[in-house]
Structure formats: C-alpha cells, structure tokens
N, C-alpha and C. Protein backbone atom coordinates (compact mmCIF):
# COMPACT_ATOMS: atom_id res chain seq x y z
N MET A 1 210.06 171.25 178.23
CA MET A 1 210.48 169.74 178.56
C MET A 1 209.33 169.01 178.84
N ALA A 2 208.28 169.77 179.35
CA ALA A 2 206.80 168.91 179.33
C ALA A 2 206.84 168.64 177.88
N ALA A 3 206.78 169.90 176.74
CA ALA A 3 206.51 169.49 175.33
C ALA A 3 207.26 168.36 174.89
N LEU A 4 208.48 168.17 174.90
CA LEU A 4 209.22 167.52 174.51
C LEU A 4 208.80 166.28 175.01
N SER A 5 208.73 166.02 176.08
CA SER A 5 208.24 164.19 176.75
C SER A 5 206.73 164.02 175.91
N ARG A 6 206.18 164.88 175.66
CA ARG A 6 204.72 164.86 175.19
C ARG A 6 204.96 164.45 173.38
N ALA A 7 206.15 165.27 173.07
CA ALA A 7 206.04 164.59 171.46
C ALA A 7 207.03 163.51 171.63
N VAL A 8 207.83 162.85 172.55
CA VAL A 8 208.60 161.57 172.21
C VAL A 8 207.04 160.82 172.12
N ALA A 9 206.41 160.89 173.58
CA ALA A 9 205.51 159.54 173.79
C ALA A 9 204.22 159.92 172.67
N LEU A 10 204.21 161.11 172.18
CA LEU A 10 203.24 160.97 170.40
C LEU A 10 204.08 160.23 169.45
N LEU A 11 205.53 160.10 169.45
CA LEU A 11 206.23 159.65 168.41
C LEU A 11 206.44 158.18 168.69
N ARG A 12 206.53 157.43 169.55
CA ARG A 12 205.98 155.73 170.53
C ARG A 12 205.02 155.77 170.05
N ARG A 13 203.88 156.30 170.48
CA ARG A 13 202.58 155.72 169.54
C ARG A 13 202.29 155.91 168.37
N LEU A 14 203.16 156.49 167.49
CA LEU A 14 202.88 156.32 166.09
C LEU A 14 204.40 155.38 165.20
N ASP A 15 204.67 155.05 166.10
CA ASP A 15 205.93 154.13 165.50
C ASP A 15 205.19 152.31 165.29
N LYS A 16 205.35 152.24 164.27
CA LYS A 16 205.12 150.67 164.09
C LYS A 16 205.09 149.81 164.86
N THR A 17 205.96 149.76 165.35
CA THR A 17 206.87 148.45 166.35
C THR A 17 206.78 149.28 167.68
N SER A 18 206.24 150.07 168.27
CA SER A 18 205.99 150.90 169.29
C SER A 18 205.11 149.63 170.28
N PRO A 19 205.14 149.18 171.46
CA PRO A 19 204.60 147.79 171.91
C PRO A 19 202.80 149.08 172.47
N GLU A 20 203.19 150.38 172.87
CA GLU A 20 201.87 151.26 173.31
C GLU A 20 200.95 151.46 172.23
N ARG A 21 201.64 151.59 170.85
CA ARG A 21 200.69 151.98 169.70
C ARG A 21 199.83 150.41 169.21
N GLN A 22 200.71 149.12 169.51
CA GLN A 22 199.87 147.89 169.35
C GLN A 22 199.06 147.17 170.71
N ARG A 23 199.36 148.09 171.88
CA ARG A 23 197.89 147.79 172.95
C ARG A 23 196.84 148.91 172.35
N GLY A 24 197.04 149.88 171.60
CA GLY A 24 196.30 150.83 171.69
C GLY A 24 195.39 149.75 170.18
N VAL A 25 196.20 149.69 169.14
CA VAL A 25 195.62 148.72 168.16
C VAL A 25 194.99 147.17 168.45
N ASP A 26 195.35 147.11 169.55
CA ASP A 26 194.35 145.52 170.05
C ASP A 26 193.11 146.01 171.02
N LEU A 27 193.41 147.09 171.43
CA LEU A 27 192.16 147.62 172.38
C LEU A 27 190.82 148.36 171.09
N VAL A 28 191.22 148.49 170.40
CA VAL A 28 190.27 148.83 169.65
C VAL A 28 189.60 148.00 168.66
N THR A 29 190.19 146.58 168.62
CA THR A 29 189.87 145.68 167.79
C THR A 29 189.15 145.31 168.81
N PHE A 30 189.50 144.41 170.10
CA PHE A 30 188.24 144.12 170.72
C PHE A 30 187.55 144.62 170.72
N ARG A 31 187.31 146.02 171.31
CA ARG A 31 185.84 146.91 171.39
C ARG A 31 185.47 146.72 169.80
N LEU A 32 185.53 146.97 169.10
CA LEU A 32 184.70 146.95 167.67
C LEU A 32 184.23 145.91 167.62
N ARG A 33 184.90 144.60 168.11
CA ARG A 33 184.45 142.84 168.10
C ARG A 33 183.67 142.56 168.65
N GLN A 34 183.66 143.58 170.32
CA GLN A 34 182.76 143.28 171.38
C GLN A 34 181.32 144.27 170.62
N LEU A 35 181.45 145.36 170.32
CA LEU A 35 180.36 146.03 170.05
C LEU A 35 179.67 145.22 168.88
N VAL A 36 180.54 144.57 167.82
CA VAL A 36 179.59 144.06 166.36
C VAL A 36 179.11 142.35 166.79
N ASP A 37 179.47 142.11 167.71
CA ASP A 37 179.15 140.87 168.43
C ASP A 37 177.79 140.89 168.86
N GLU A 38 177.68 141.84 169.58
CA GLU A 38 176.58 142.36 170.42
C GLU A 38 175.27 142.44 169.62
N LEU A 39 176.05 143.54 168.76
CA LEU A 39 174.72 143.76 167.78
C LEU A 39 174.39 142.52 167.12
N GLU A 40 175.02 141.66 166.76
CA GLU A 40 174.53 140.78 166.24
C GLU A 40 173.96 139.49 167.27
N SER A 41 174.30 139.52 167.81
CA SER A 41 172.96 138.58 169.32
C SER A 41 172.12 139.22 169.57
N ALA A 42 171.76 140.55 169.99
CA ALA A 42 170.78 141.80 170.41
C ALA A 42 169.83 140.80 168.92
N ALA A 43 170.39 141.29 167.52
CA ALA A 43 169.38 141.56 166.41
C ALA A 43 169.06 140.31 166.18
N PHE A 44 169.55 138.72 166.55
CA PHE A 44 169.21 137.76 166.13
C PHE A 44 168.22 137.34 167.11
N GLU A 45 168.53 137.56 168.55
CA GLU A 45 167.44 137.56 169.67
C GLU A 45 166.16 138.39 169.85
N ARG A 46 166.45 139.53 168.94
CA ARG A 46 165.26 140.33 169.27
C ARG A 46 165.00 141.54 170.18
N ASP A 47 166.56 141.04 170.69
CA ASP A 47 166.42 141.62 172.10
C ASP A 47 166.70 142.97 172.32
N GLU A 48 165.46 144.14 172.33
CA GLU A 48 165.78 145.50 172.02
C GLU A 48 166.39 145.57 173.14
N LEU A 49 166.45 145.87 174.56
CA LEU A 49 166.91 146.28 175.22
C LEU A 49 168.66 145.87 175.44
N ALA A 50 168.64 145.02 174.92
CA ALA A 50 170.62 144.33 174.35
C ALA A 50 170.83 145.48 173.14
N LEU A 51 169.80 145.82 172.15
CA LEU A 51 170.33 146.39 171.64
C LEU A 51 170.27 148.12 171.79
N ALA A 52 169.46 148.62 172.71
CA ALA A 52 169.62 149.77 173.40
C ALA A 52 170.83 150.36 174.06
N ARG A 53 171.45 149.49 174.56
CA ARG A 53 172.64 149.55 174.94
C ARG A 53 174.16 149.51 173.77
N VAL A 54 173.90 148.52 172.96
CA VAL A 54 174.99 149.39 171.98
C VAL A 54 174.50 150.07 170.81
N VAL A 55 173.58 150.66 170.69
CA VAL A 55 172.86 151.70 169.47
C VAL A 55 172.31 153.07 170.45
N ALA A 56 172.60 154.24 169.40
CA ALA A 56 172.06 155.00 169.49
C ALA A 56 170.40 155.63 169.16
N PRO A 57 170.23 156.14 169.95
CA PRO A 57 168.52 155.95 169.86
C PRO A 57 167.68 156.18 168.28
N ALA A 58 168.49 157.10 167.85
CA ALA A 58 168.36 157.39 166.39
C ALA A 58 168.15 155.78 165.93
N LEU A 59 169.51 155.20 165.55
CA LEU A 59 169.48 154.24 164.49
C LEU A 59 169.05 152.83 165.32
N LEU A 60 168.54 153.34 166.72
CA LEU A 60 167.95 152.19 167.74
C LEU A 60 166.15 152.08 166.77
N ALA A 61 165.57 153.40 166.92
CA ALA A 61 164.58 153.22 166.12
C ALA A 61 164.54 152.47 164.74
N ARG A 62 165.22 152.73 163.56
CA ARG A 62 165.33 152.51 162.21
C ARG A 62 165.50 150.86 162.57
N LEU A 63 166.47 150.59 163.37
CA LEU A 63 166.76 148.71 163.42
C LEU A 63 165.34 148.12 163.85
N SER A 64 164.67 148.84 165.21
CA SER A 64 163.42 148.20 165.51
C SER A 64 162.37 148.58 164.17
N ALA A 65 161.78 149.41 163.72
CA ALA A 65 161.09 149.47 162.71
C ALA A 65 160.96 147.70 161.52
N HIS A 66 162.71 147.94 161.22
CA HIS A 66 163.23 147.02 160.48
C HIS A 66 162.48 145.71 160.95
N GLY A 67 163.26 145.39 162.44
CA GLY A 67 162.98 144.16 162.67
C GLY A 67 161.75 143.87 163.12
N ALA A 68 160.44 144.80 163.00
CA ALA A 68 159.18 144.58 163.00
C ALA A 68 158.62 144.16 161.56
N GLU A 69 159.10 145.27 160.89
CA GLU A 69 158.66 144.51 159.22
C GLU A 69 159.01 143.19 158.75
N LEU A 70 160.04 142.63 159.52
CA LEU A 70 160.60 141.20 158.92
C LEU A 70 159.48 140.23 160.14
N ALA A 71 159.01 140.80 161.10
CA ALA A 71 157.99 139.89 162.77
C ALA A 71 157.12 140.06 161.47
N GLY A 72 156.34 141.36 161.17
CA GLY A 72 155.40 141.19 160.42
C GLY A 72 155.24 139.79 159.13
N ARG A 73 156.02 139.91 158.81
CA ARG A 73 156.44 139.13 157.35
C ARG A 73 156.72 137.52 157.97
N GLU A 74 156.88 137.29 159.15
CA GLU A 74 157.41 135.93 159.75
C GLU A 74 158.91 135.61 159.09
N VAL A 75 159.33 136.71 159.27
CA VAL A 75 161.35 136.54 158.75
C VAL A 75 161.71 136.76 160.19
N ARG A 76 163.02 135.26 160.25
CA ARG A 76 163.83 135.76 161.23
C ARG A 76 164.82 136.25 160.49
N TRP A 77 165.80 137.40 160.85
CA TRP A 77 167.04 138.20 160.25
C TRP A 77 168.39 137.75 161.13
N ARG A 78 168.72 137.15 160.56
CA ARG A 78 169.92 136.15 161.32
C ARG A 78 171.13 136.99 160.82
N PRO A 79 171.90 137.71 161.49
CA PRO A 79 173.09 138.48 161.01
C PRO A 79 173.98 137.82 161.31
N GLY A 80 175.44 138.06 160.24
CA GLY A 80 176.22 137.23 160.21
C GLY A 80 177.73 137.92 159.59
N ARG A 81 178.66 137.82 160.09
CA ARG A 81 179.90 138.18 159.29
C ARG A 81 181.03 137.61 159.81
N GLN A 82 182.05 137.37 159.03
CA GLN A 82 183.38 136.94 158.93
C GLN A 82 184.30 137.96 158.77
N GLY A 83 185.05 137.63 159.83
CA GLY A 83 186.08 138.62 160.32
C GLY A 83 185.79 139.90 160.33
N LEU A 84 187.19 140.57 160.41
CA LEU A 84 186.57 141.81 160.73
C LEU A 84 187.84 142.72 161.01
N ARG A 85 188.10 143.48 159.66
CA ARG A 85 189.33 144.37 159.76
C ARG A 85 188.65 145.65 159.91
N TRP A 86 189.83 146.69 160.11
CA TRP A 86 189.41 148.27 160.63
C TRP A 86 190.37 148.88 160.73
N ALA A 87 190.15 150.17 160.61
CA ALA A 87 190.97 151.43 160.00
C ALA A 87 190.91 152.67 160.52
N PRO A 88 191.51 153.65 160.84
CA PRO A 88 190.31 154.50 161.29
C PRO A 88 190.08 155.53 160.21
N SER A 89 189.24 155.99 160.21
CA SER A 89 188.26 156.92 159.52
C SER A 89 189.08 158.24 158.98
N GLY A 90 188.68 158.95 158.28
CA GLY A 90 189.10 160.59 158.42
C GLY A 90 188.18 161.67 158.21
N ARG A 91 186.84 160.96 158.98
CA ARG A 91 185.75 161.22 159.30
C ARG A 91 186.04 162.57 160.45
N ALA A 92 185.52 163.68 160.63
CA ALA A 92 185.38 164.03 161.90
C ALA A 92 183.67 163.96 162.80
N SER A 93 184.44 163.76 164.00
CA SER A 93 183.34 163.03 164.71
C SER A 93 182.03 164.51 165.32
N ASP A 94 180.74 164.21 165.75
CA ASP A 94 180.16 165.58 165.83
C ASP A 94 180.27 165.30 167.55
N GLY A 95 180.48 164.73 168.07
CA GLY A 95 180.38 164.36 169.50
C GLY A 95 181.98 164.06 170.05
N ALA A 96 181.92 165.18 171.35
CA ALA A 96 182.90 164.41 172.12
C ALA A 96 182.84 163.14 172.23
N GLY A 97 184.77 162.01 172.60
CA GLY A 97 184.09 161.06 172.84
C GLY A 97 183.74 160.30 171.82
N ARG A 98 183.56 160.43 170.20
CA ARG A 98 183.28 159.84 169.19
C ARG A 98 184.25 159.31 168.28
N ALA A 99 184.24 158.67 168.24
CA ALA A 99 185.45 158.45 166.96
C ALA A 99 184.87 157.57 165.43
N TRP A 100 185.34 157.73 163.99
CA TRP A 100 184.36 157.25 163.06
C TRP A 100 185.59 156.08 162.80
N PHE A 101 185.41 154.72 161.98
CA PHE A 101 186.44 153.39 161.64
C PHE A 101 185.72 153.13 160.62
N ARG A 102 186.47 152.64 159.90
CA ARG A 102 186.10 151.62 158.55
C ARG A 102 186.50 150.66 158.72
N VAL A 103 185.69 149.91 159.24
CA VAL A 103 185.31 148.45 159.03
C VAL A 103 185.14 147.81 157.98
N ARG A 104 185.92 146.77 157.65
CA ARG A 104 185.50 145.75 156.63
C ARG A 104 185.18 143.96 156.89
N PHE A 105 183.70 143.46 156.19
CA PHE A 105 183.67 142.17 156.61
C PHE A 105 183.24 140.89 155.48
N GLU A 106 183.11 140.40 155.54
CA GLU A 106 182.37 139.43 154.28
C GLU A 106 180.70 139.02 155.41
N ASP A 107 179.86 139.56 154.45
CA ASP A 107 179.00 139.09 154.96
C ASP A 107 177.88 138.00 154.95
N LEU A 108 177.56 137.87 155.90
CA LEU A 108 176.98 136.25 156.15
C LEU A 108 175.12 136.43 156.15
N THR A 109 174.56 137.49 156.51
CA THR A 109 173.39 137.94 156.69
C THR A 109 172.43 136.64 155.69
N THR A 110 171.63 136.15 156.79
CA THR A 110 170.32 135.31 156.37
C THR A 110 169.34 135.64 156.94
N HIS A 111 168.26 135.21 156.18
CA HIS A 111 166.58 135.32 156.54
C HIS A 111 165.95 134.25 156.30
N LEU A 112 165.12 133.86 157.17
CA LEU A 112 164.44 132.47 157.58
C LEU A 112 163.19 132.69 157.39
N GLY A 113 162.75 132.70 156.42
CA GLY A 113 161.15 132.67 156.94
C GLY A 113 160.20 131.95 156.32
N PRO A 114 158.76 132.26 155.71
CA PRO A 114 157.90 131.14 155.27
C PRO A 114 158.78 130.28 154.21
N GLN A 115 159.32 130.94 153.34
CA GLN A 115 159.73 130.16 151.96
C GLN A 115 161.15 129.38 152.05
N GLY A 116 161.53 129.76 153.31
CA GLY A 116 162.77 129.10 153.55
C GLY A 116 164.12 130.19 154.04
N LEU A 117 164.84 129.16 153.76
CA LEU A 117 166.12 130.28 154.08
C LEU A 117 166.65 131.22 153.21
N SER A 118 166.87 132.10 153.42
CA SER A 118 166.80 132.74 151.99
C SER A 118 168.92 133.77 152.39
N ALA A 119 169.32 133.31 151.70
CA ALA A 119 171.01 134.07 151.86
C ALA A 119 171.00 134.93 150.67
N ALA A 120 171.86 135.92 150.74
CA ALA A 120 172.27 136.47 149.63
C ALA A 120 173.75 136.21 149.61
N SER A 121 174.29 136.19 148.62
CA SER A 121 175.66 135.82 148.07
C SER A 121 176.99 136.97 149.23
N VAL A 122 177.67 135.55 149.43
CA VAL A 122 178.25 136.38 150.49
C VAL A 122 179.28 137.33 149.91
N GLU A 123 178.92 138.92 150.67
CA GLU A 123 180.18 140.05 149.48
C GLU A 123 180.64 140.66 150.50
N THR A 124 181.86 141.03 149.99
CA THR A 124 182.57 141.64 151.45
C THR A 124 181.72 143.29 151.16
N ARG A 125 181.78 143.99 152.76
CA ARG A 125 181.44 144.70 152.89
C ARG A 125 181.79 145.81 153.69
N GLU A 126 181.92 147.22 153.59
CA GLU A 126 182.48 148.12 153.87
C GLU A 126 182.07 149.24 154.72
N LEU A 127 182.18 149.34 155.66
CA LEU A 127 181.19 150.62 156.40
C LEU A 127 181.75 151.35 156.78
N GLU A 128 181.68 152.66 157.14
CA GLU A 128 182.05 153.82 158.19
C GLU A 128 181.41 153.41 159.79
N LEU A 129 181.67 153.57 160.76
CA LEU A 129 180.98 153.16 162.05
C LEU A 129 181.66 154.75 162.84
N GLU A 130 180.32 154.98 163.02
CA GLU A 130 180.88 156.39 164.24
C GLU A 130 180.30 156.18 165.69
N VAL A 131 181.20 155.63 166.03
CA VAL A 131 180.82 155.21 167.88
C VAL A 131 181.04 155.72 168.96
N ASP A 132 180.08 155.76 169.69
CA ASP A 132 180.73 156.56 171.03
C ASP A 132 182.20 155.67 171.82
N THR A 133 183.03 156.19 172.31
CA THR A 133 184.19 155.90 173.06
C THR A 133 183.88 155.59 174.81
N THR A 134 183.06 156.88 174.93
CA THR A 134 183.37 156.19 176.50
C THR A 134 182.58 155.77 177.06
N THR A 135 181.89 155.00 176.29
CA THR A 135 180.99 153.63 177.46
C THR A 135 181.42 151.97 176.76
N SER A 136 181.43 151.37 177.77
CA SER A 136 181.48 149.92 177.78
C SER A 136 180.26 148.71 177.55
N PRO A 137 179.80 148.63 176.47
CA PRO A 137 180.67 148.27 175.59
C PRO A 137 180.28 149.78 174.55
N TRP A 138 181.31 150.22 173.48
CA TRP A 138 181.42 151.12 172.83
C TRP A 138 179.53 151.39 172.41
N ARG A 139 179.27 152.39 171.61
CA ARG A 139 178.04 152.58 171.54
C ARG A 139 178.21 153.23 169.91
N LEU A 140 177.35 152.20 168.99
CA LEU A 140 177.24 152.54 167.63
C LEU A 140 176.32 154.21 167.30
N TRP A 141 176.51 155.15 166.57
CA TRP A 141 175.83 156.10 166.41
C TRP A 141 175.42 156.83 164.91
N ARG A 142 176.45 155.86 164.17
CA ARG A 142 175.90 156.07 162.65
C ARG A 142 176.53 154.94 162.00
N VAL A 143 175.94 154.99 160.45
CA VAL A 143 176.28 154.16 159.85
C VAL A 143 176.22 153.89 158.52
N LEU A 144 177.56 154.33 157.50
CA LEU A 144 178.05 154.54 156.18
C LEU A 144 178.64 153.87 155.48
N GLU A 145 177.48 153.58 154.31
CA GLU A 145 178.16 152.08 153.42
C GLU A 145 179.34 153.08 152.37
N VAL A 146 180.19 152.45 152.14
CA VAL A 146 181.10 152.67 151.42
C VAL A 146 181.36 152.56 150.04
N ASP A 147 181.27 153.45 149.30
CA ASP A 147 180.70 153.17 147.61
C ASP A 147 181.81 152.32 147.42
N GLY A 148 181.89 152.10 146.14
CA GLY A 148 183.12 151.13 145.32
C GLY A 148 183.67 150.23 146.36
N ARG A 149 183.04 149.14 145.87
CA ARG A 149 183.30 147.88 146.68
C ARG A 149 184.44 147.31 145.38
C-alpha cells in the first residue's frame, strides 16, 4: 500500500497541471533568481563576504582573481542580466544535495573604466549551474557554458 501511495505522489508531481509540481517549479525559480541577484549584487559591490555566502570556495577564488585583475586596471565590473529561464539539466551531481540546472538569460554585463563604459553586445547566454540546494540562499558550485547558442 505504501508503494502505491508513493507512486501516486510521484505521478502528481509529474503531472504538469498538478499544484504540487507548480509549487516546486515556483520554488526553484525563486531560489535561482535569489542566487543570481545575490551574485550580481556582491560582484557589483565587490563584497567578498557576501560572495562567499553564495559561491563555493574554488569558484570564489576564480571570481576574486578576476575582480582583482579588473580593479588593478581601474575597471568596475557591473554584471547584469535580463530575464531568467531554467530547466533541469541531465548532468549528475557530484555531491549530496546538489543539482544541475540549465539557465538562459540575456547578458547585459558592462565594464566602467578609464576609457569609459564598455558593454558587449547583448547576447543570450545559456549556462549549466551546479548548485547546493541544502543552504539558503543556494550556493553555486560549478558553471559550464553551453555551446551552440
């Protein structure tokens, strides 16, 4: 009987019209937006403590090095994006509580330096993000750019 109730619960979550499934989609959307917003804010403010809350140590080291390189050239990195769509990724995670998501957005990042404002042309980017879902906010572990845009 317990196996049957688990099967029914699973079918409810898979049903696209199910309120349970929609609540899960809404929660993932909220958490991913929260993660991206906090990343953008911490990078813009050059707040490494805030960045450490949402980025795993290996990735934090790379971001810090990039930030230091830009600061050395007196360039201010202003990350930005428009929209955020996601889908589950087919990748398997390396750790418990981690999940991969495929995220799509328009990149509006700019750089402000001695030569003025520099902005690459707005382009749609697609990334695969591995996030730790056991923390709040979620924590970013790995980022892979999707080829073939």
